N, C-alpha and C. Protein backbone atom coordinates (compact mmCIF):
# COMPACT_ATOMS: atom_id res chain seq x y z
N MET A 1 -1.35 -5.40 -3.62
CA MET A 1 -0.93 -3.86 -2.72
C MET A 1 -0.77 -4.52 -1.22
N LEU A 2 -0.06 -4.52 -0.47
CA LEU A 2 -0.30 -4.58 0.71
C LEU A 2 0.34 -2.87 1.95
N CYS A 3 -0.72 -3.30 2.94
CA CYS A 3 -0.99 -2.70 4.02
C CYS A 3 -0.57 -3.16 5.46
N GLY A 4 -1.03 -1.99 6.09
CA GLY A 4 -0.98 -2.58 7.61
C GLY A 4 -1.72 -1.99 8.44
N HIS A 5 -2.86 -0.32 7.43
CA HIS A 5 -3.60 0.47 8.77
C HIS A 5 -4.04 0.08 9.58
N THR A 6 -5.26 -1.09 9.66
CA THR A 6 -6.10 -1.61 10.19
C THR A 6 -5.51 -2.90 11.46
N HIS A 7 -4.41 -3.44 11.55
CA HIS A 7 -3.55 -4.16 12.44
C HIS A 7 -4.75 -5.02 12.45
N ARG A 8 -5.14 -5.85 11.53
CA ARG A 8 -6.14 -7.35 11.13
C ARG A 8 -5.41 -7.68 9.49
N TYR A 9 -5.73 -9.47 10.17
CA TYR A 9 -4.80 -9.55 8.61
C TYR A 9 -6.38 -9.63 7.82
N GLY A 10 -5.84 -9.85 6.45
CA GLY A 10 -7.42 -9.69 5.90
C GLY A 10 -6.81 -8.90 4.22
N ARG A 11 -7.71 -10.08 2.94
CA ARG A 11 -7.37 -9.74 1.97
C ARG A 11 -9.16 -9.91 1.04
N ARG A 12 -8.92 -9.12 -0.25
CA ARG A 12 -9.83 -9.07 -1.12
C ARG A 12 -9.26 -8.30 -2.25
N HIS A 13 -10.19 -8.95 -3.18
CA HIS A 13 -9.91 -8.43 -4.62
C HIS A 13 -10.46 -7.48 -5.00
N VAL A 14 -10.10 -6.20 -5.53
CA VAL A 14 -10.51 -4.77 -5.63
C VAL A 14 -10.57 -4.78 -7.16
N SER A 15 -11.62 -4.69 -7.61
CA SER A 15 -11.73 -4.21 -9.61
C SER A 15 -12.20 -3.64 -9.95
N GLY A 16 -11.54 -2.59 -10.79
CA GLY A 16 -12.06 -1.59 -11.37
C GLY A 16 -11.58 -0.53 -12.36
N SER A 17 -10.78 0.54 -13.09
CA SER A 17 -10.52 0.54 -14.23
C SER A 17 -8.81 0.22 -14.56
N HIS A 18 -8.30 0.21 -13.76
CA HIS A 18 -7.41 -0.32 -13.24
C HIS A 18 -6.97 -1.70 -13.37
N GLY A 19 -8.26 -2.80 -13.24
CA GLY A 19 -8.09 -4.07 -13.49
C GLY A 19 -8.18 -4.74 -12.86
N ARG A 20 -7.18 -5.62 -12.11
CA ARG A 20 -7.80 -6.63 -10.93
C ARG A 20 -6.88 -6.59 -9.62
N ILE A 21 -6.62 -6.00 -8.70
CA ILE A 21 -5.67 -5.52 -7.91
C ILE A 21 -6.07 -7.00 -6.64
N GLU A 22 -4.87 -7.14 -6.19
CA GLU A 22 -5.19 -8.34 -4.99
C GLU A 22 -5.02 -7.21 -3.22
N LEU A 23 -5.49 -6.67 -2.39
CA LEU A 23 -5.29 -6.44 -1.51
C LEU A 23 -4.39 -6.55 -0.66
N ILE A 24 -4.10 -6.57 0.29
CA ILE A 24 -3.41 -7.37 1.47
C ILE A 24 -3.30 -6.05 2.94
N ASN A 25 -4.04 -6.80 3.38
CA ASN A 25 -3.91 -6.21 5.38
C ASN A 25 -2.87 -6.80 5.68
N THR A 26 -1.58 -6.76 6.49
CA THR A 26 -0.71 -7.69 6.80
C THR A 26 -0.82 -7.39 7.97
N GLY A 27 -1.98 -6.90 8.78
CA GLY A 27 -1.81 -7.08 9.99
C GLY A 27 -0.92 -6.62 10.87
N ALA A 28 -0.70 -6.87 11.62
CA ALA A 28 0.35 -6.65 13.13
C ALA A 28 1.26 -7.25 13.29
N ALA A 29 2.51 -6.85 12.50
CA ALA A 29 3.95 -8.10 12.98
C ALA A 29 4.72 -7.42 14.02
N GLY A 30 4.38 -7.85 15.15
CA GLY A 30 5.36 -7.81 16.51
C GLY A 30 4.40 -6.84 17.19
N ASN A 31 3.31 -6.76 17.17
CA ASN A 31 3.00 -5.89 18.41
C ASN A 31 1.40 -6.37 18.92
N THR A 32 2.11 -6.74 19.99
CA THR A 32 0.55 -7.18 20.82
C THR A 32 -0.40 -6.00 21.11
N GLY A 33 -1.84 -6.50 21.28
CA GLY A 33 -2.40 -6.24 21.74
C GLY A 33 -3.57 -5.06 20.45
N HIS A 34 -3.09 -5.52 19.29
CA HIS A 34 -4.19 -5.18 18.35
C HIS A 34 -5.28 -5.63 17.89
N SER A 35 -6.56 -5.45 17.80
CA SER A 35 -7.32 -5.86 17.34
C SER A 35 -7.67 -7.59 17.12
N ASP A 36 -7.16 -8.16 16.54
CA ASP A 36 -7.73 -9.34 17.08
C ASP A 36 -6.64 -10.50 17.96
N GLY A 37 -5.47 -10.03 18.60
CA GLY A 37 -4.90 -11.11 18.98
C GLY A 37 -4.05 -12.20 18.63
N MET A 38 -3.45 -11.72 17.24
CA MET A 38 -2.49 -12.33 16.15
C MET A 38 -1.92 -11.44 15.77
N ASN A 39 -0.13 -12.08 15.95
CA ASN A 39 0.57 -12.06 15.07
C ASN A 39 0.63 -12.29 13.63
N THR A 40 0.57 -11.42 12.73
CA THR A 40 0.84 -11.97 11.27
C THR A 40 1.93 -11.74 10.51
N PHE A 41 2.78 -12.89 9.48
CA PHE A 41 3.68 -12.17 8.63
C PHE A 41 3.32 -12.84 7.51
N VAL A 42 3.65 -12.30 6.18
CA VAL A 42 3.14 -12.51 4.83
C VAL A 42 4.73 -12.51 4.18
N GLN A 43 4.66 -13.35 4.16
CA GLN A 43 5.64 -14.02 2.82
C GLN A 43 5.43 -14.48 1.54
N ILE A 44 6.24 -13.97 0.50
CA ILE A 44 6.28 -13.74 -0.37
C ILE A 44 6.74 -14.02 -2.01
N SER A 45 6.73 -15.57 -2.27
CA SER A 45 8.23 -15.76 -3.05
C SER A 45 7.91 -15.18 -4.38
N ILE A 46 8.46 -14.93 -5.10
CA ILE A 46 8.12 -14.19 -6.78
C ILE A 46 9.68 -15.38 -7.97
N ASP A 47 8.86 -15.84 -8.59
CA ASP A 47 9.53 -16.91 -9.76
C ASP A 47 9.13 -16.45 -10.90
N GLY A 48 10.11 -15.74 -11.59
CA GLY A 48 9.13 -15.36 -13.01
C GLY A 48 8.38 -14.21 -13.07
N LYS A 49 7.49 -15.10 -13.59
CA LYS A 49 6.39 -14.06 -13.85
C LYS A 49 5.30 -14.87 -12.86
N ASN A 50 5.38 -15.82 -12.08
CA ASN A 50 4.75 -16.55 -10.54
C ASN A 50 5.36 -15.86 -9.38
N ALA A 51 4.22 -15.40 -8.38
CA ALA A 51 4.69 -15.25 -7.61
C ALA A 51 3.39 -15.89 -5.96
N ALA A 52 4.03 -16.48 -5.50
CA ALA A 52 3.38 -17.34 -4.25
C ALA A 52 3.22 -16.60 -2.94
N PHE A 53 2.50 -16.66 -2.25
CA PHE A 53 2.04 -16.30 -1.04
C PHE A 53 1.91 -17.24 0.18
N ARG A 54 2.63 -16.41 1.50
CA ARG A 54 2.01 -17.33 2.46
C ARG A 54 1.93 -16.57 3.89
N ALA A 55 1.12 -16.50 4.09
CA ALA A 55 0.28 -15.79 5.55
C ALA A 55 0.60 -16.47 7.20
N VAL A 56 1.75 -15.99 7.79
CA VAL A 56 1.76 -17.26 8.64
C VAL A 56 0.89 -16.09 9.91
N GLN A 57 0.49 -16.86 11.08
CA GLN A 57 -0.22 -16.14 12.31
C GLN A 57 0.29 -17.29 13.63
N ALA A 58 0.32 -16.24 14.59
CA ALA A 58 0.89 -16.88 16.01
C ALA A 58 -0.16 -15.82 17.13
N PRO A 59 -0.64 -16.39 18.18
CA PRO A 59 -1.36 -15.43 19.21
C PRO A 59 -0.66 -14.55 19.42
N ASP A 60 -0.12 -13.59 20.26
CA ASP A 60 -0.05 -12.70 20.83
C ASP A 60 1.17 -13.50 22.06
N LYS A 61 2.01 -13.01 21.92
CA LYS A 61 3.13 -13.50 22.97
C LYS A 61 3.25 -15.07 23.16
N THR A 62 3.37 -15.79 22.10
CA THR A 62 4.00 -17.08 21.63
C THR A 62 4.47 -17.11 20.07
N LYS A 63 5.16 -18.02 19.97
CA LYS A 63 5.36 -18.64 19.22
C LYS A 63 5.48 -19.14 17.88
N ASP A 64 3.81 -19.67 18.45
CA ASP A 64 3.47 -21.33 18.09
C ASP A 64 2.45 -20.60 15.97
N PHE A 65 3.80 -20.74 14.98
CA PHE A 65 2.87 -19.89 13.77
C PHE A 65 2.80 -21.10 13.43
N LYS A 66 1.00 -20.59 12.31
CA LYS A 66 0.77 -21.87 11.65
C LYS A 66 0.23 -21.24 10.11
N VAL A 67 -0.11 -21.64 8.94
CA VAL A 67 0.38 -20.78 7.96
C VAL A 67 -1.66 -20.82 7.99
N ALA A 68 -2.30 -19.66 7.67
CA ALA A 68 -3.36 -18.80 8.20
C ALA A 68 -4.13 -18.85 6.60
N ASP A 69 -2.70 -18.95 6.15
CA ASP A 69 -3.89 -18.41 4.51
C ASP A 69 -2.54 -18.38 3.01
N SER A 70 -2.62 -19.29 2.18
CA SER A 70 -1.79 -19.35 1.47
C SER A 70 -2.49 -18.96 -0.32
N TRP A 71 -1.55 -18.26 -1.47
CA TRP A 71 -2.40 -18.48 -2.59
C TRP A 71 -1.48 -18.72 -3.69
N LYS A 72 -1.51 -18.28 -4.77
CA LYS A 72 -0.61 -18.01 -5.89
C LYS A 72 -1.02 -17.26 -7.55
N ALA A 73 -0.07 -16.01 -7.10
CA ALA A 73 -0.90 -15.77 -9.27
C ALA A 73 0.50 -15.25 -9.65
N LYS A 74 -0.05 -14.97 -11.04
CA LYS A 74 0.18 -15.20 -12.10
C LYS A 74 0.56 -13.98 -12.77
N ALA A 75 1.61 -13.32 -13.83
CA ALA A 75 1.27 -11.75 -14.30
C ALA A 75 0.15 -12.15 -15.43
N SER A 76 -0.45 -11.51 -15.90
CA SER A 76 -1.61 -10.68 -16.54
C SER A 76 -0.24 -10.55 -17.99
N GLU A 77 -1.37 -11.87 -19.14
CA GLU A 77 -0.51 -11.35 -19.97
C GLU A 77 -0.52 -10.15 -21.37
N ASN A 78 -1.57 -9.17 -20.70
CA ASN A 78 -1.65 -8.11 -21.46
C ASN A 78 -0.17 -6.75 -21.13
């Protein structure tokens, strides 16, 4: 699940009766002066049942983007 309410990048697993969901807070994409001082973009690549995620960040007012986080997910067999 993608959201961006807090203007700060982060991700966590949320488990419950729905199963397990990856909650991704995308942060501030292009807006300066929010919370953590970073611009963050999350790239998602889908290949069949597999997904690859990559978050890149740069300090406000720069274009010095670097990979801050990356991970892979696979569809459940259920």
